[in-house]
């Protein structure tokens, strides 16, 4: 499988930015992960790991790159700002969660 790349845009007036840290708007990591997983067509059963390295501010665009891991049951992701800074990386399990 070739790596898959998608973009996620967070509006400048995104409601979560202003309330996360007053006077220092940052998009919460949980919201970033939710948006990242939503870009995966196979669906995700769980997050194995995630590491955040750089804040994302309202109005910024992320480039998400998905690649295969050692097993077909997991995929790796990297998120970078449009300028290239690494924001987050991690591994998710593929498939639907058990009922």
Protein backbone atom coordinates (compact mmCIF):
# COMPACT_ATOMS: atom_id res chain seq x y z
CA UNK A 1 0.00 0.00 0.00
CA UNK A 2 1.19 3.49 -0.86
CA UNK A 3 1.15 6.05 1.95
CA UNK A 4 -2.10 7.99 2.14
CA UNK A 5 -2.02 11.74 2.80
CA UNK A 6 -4.92 14.00 3.77
CA UNK A 7 -5.35 17.52 5.10
CA UNK A 8 -7.30 18.66 8.14
CA UNK A 9 -8.20 22.33 8.48
CA UNK A 10 -9.08 23.87 11.83
CA UNK A 11 -11.08 27.07 11.34
CA UNK A 12 -9.68 30.26 12.85
CA UNK A 13 -12.81 30.56 14.97
CA UNK A 14 -12.90 26.88 16.01
CA UNK A 15 -14.85 26.82 19.30
CA UNK A 16 -12.46 24.48 21.11
CA UNK A 17 -9.40 26.69 20.55
CA UNK A 18 -10.40 29.66 22.66
CA UNK A 19 -11.51 27.69 25.69
CA UNK A 20 -8.62 25.23 25.96
CA UNK A 21 -6.06 27.76 27.21
CA UNK A 22 -7.50 31.27 27.59
CA UNK A 23 -5.56 33.89 25.61
CA UNK A 24 -3.41 31.12 24.08
CA UNK A 25 -5.75 29.22 21.73
CA UNK A 26 -4.70 25.62 21.09
CA UNK A 27 -6.64 22.78 19.49
CA UNK A 28 -6.92 19.96 22.10
CA UNK A 29 -5.02 16.74 21.40
CA UNK A 30 -8.17 14.64 21.78
CA UNK A 31 -9.85 16.63 19.00
CA UNK A 32 -6.78 16.28 16.78
CA UNK A 33 -6.82 12.49 17.29
CA UNK A 34 -10.55 12.33 16.57
CA UNK A 35 -10.08 14.23 13.30
CA UNK A 36 -7.01 12.16 12.34
CA UNK A 37 -8.84 8.86 12.88
CA UNK A 38 -11.83 10.14 10.89
CA UNK A 39 -9.54 10.34 7.83
CA UNK A 40 -8.84 6.59 7.96
CA UNK A 41 -11.19 4.76 5.58
CA UNK A 42 -10.76 1.38 7.33
CA UNK A 43 -11.96 2.68 10.66
CA UNK A 44 -9.94 2.41 13.86
CA UNK A 45 -10.58 0.11 16.78
CA UNK A 46 -8.18 1.82 19.14
CA UNK A 47 -5.17 4.04 19.58
CA UNK A 48 -2.05 2.12 20.55
CA UNK A 49 0.10 5.18 20.99
CA UNK A 50 0.14 8.89 20.26
CA UNK A 51 2.81 11.48 20.90
CA UNK A 52 2.25 15.22 20.62
CA UNK A 53 5.26 17.40 19.86
CA UNK A 54 3.91 20.77 18.74
CA UNK A 55 0.71 22.75 19.41
CA UNK A 56 -1.92 23.29 16.74
CA UNK A 57 -3.66 26.65 16.73
CA UNK A 58 -7.05 27.60 15.27
CA UNK A 59 -6.62 28.52 11.60
CA UNK A 60 -3.84 26.01 10.97
CA UNK A 61 -3.83 23.08 8.55
CA UNK A 62 -2.46 19.64 9.32
CA UNK A 63 -1.13 17.19 6.77
CA UNK A 64 -1.75 13.62 7.93
CA UNK A 65 0.29 10.81 6.43
CA UNK A 66 -0.82 7.20 7.01
CA UNK A 67 1.58 4.30 6.44
CA UNK A 68 1.44 0.58 7.16
CA UNK A 69 3.10 -0.81 10.24
CA UNK A 70 4.58 -4.29 10.76
CA UNK A 71 1.09 -5.81 10.80
CA UNK A 72 -1.85 -5.14 8.49
CA UNK A 73 -3.96 -4.74 11.65
CA UNK A 74 -2.24 -1.45 12.52
CA UNK A 75 -1.32 1.78 10.76
CA UNK A 76 1.09 4.56 11.65
CA UNK A 77 0.33 8.24 11.28
CA UNK A 78 2.29 11.47 11.28
CA UNK A 79 0.74 14.94 11.43
CA UNK A 80 2.66 17.98 10.24
CA UNK A 81 1.74 21.62 10.01
CA UNK A 82 1.67 23.06 6.50
CA UNK A 83 5.09 24.59 7.29
CA UNK A 84 6.55 21.16 8.06
CA UNK A 85 6.70 21.04 11.88
CA UNK A 86 5.91 17.59 13.26
CA UNK A 87 2.79 17.90 15.45
CA UNK A 88 1.97 14.30 16.37
CA UNK A 89 2.66 10.69 15.50
CA UNK A 90 1.21 7.40 16.59
CA UNK A 91 -0.16 3.95 15.84
CA UNK A 92 -3.81 2.85 15.61
CA UNK A 93 -5.43 -0.55 15.41
CA UNK A 94 -7.56 -1.07 12.30
CA UNK A 95 -11.10 -2.41 12.24
CA UNK A 96 -14.26 -1.90 14.18
CA UNK A 97 -14.32 -2.08 17.97
CA UNK A 98 -15.99 -5.14 19.48
CA UNK A 99 -19.70 -4.77 20.27
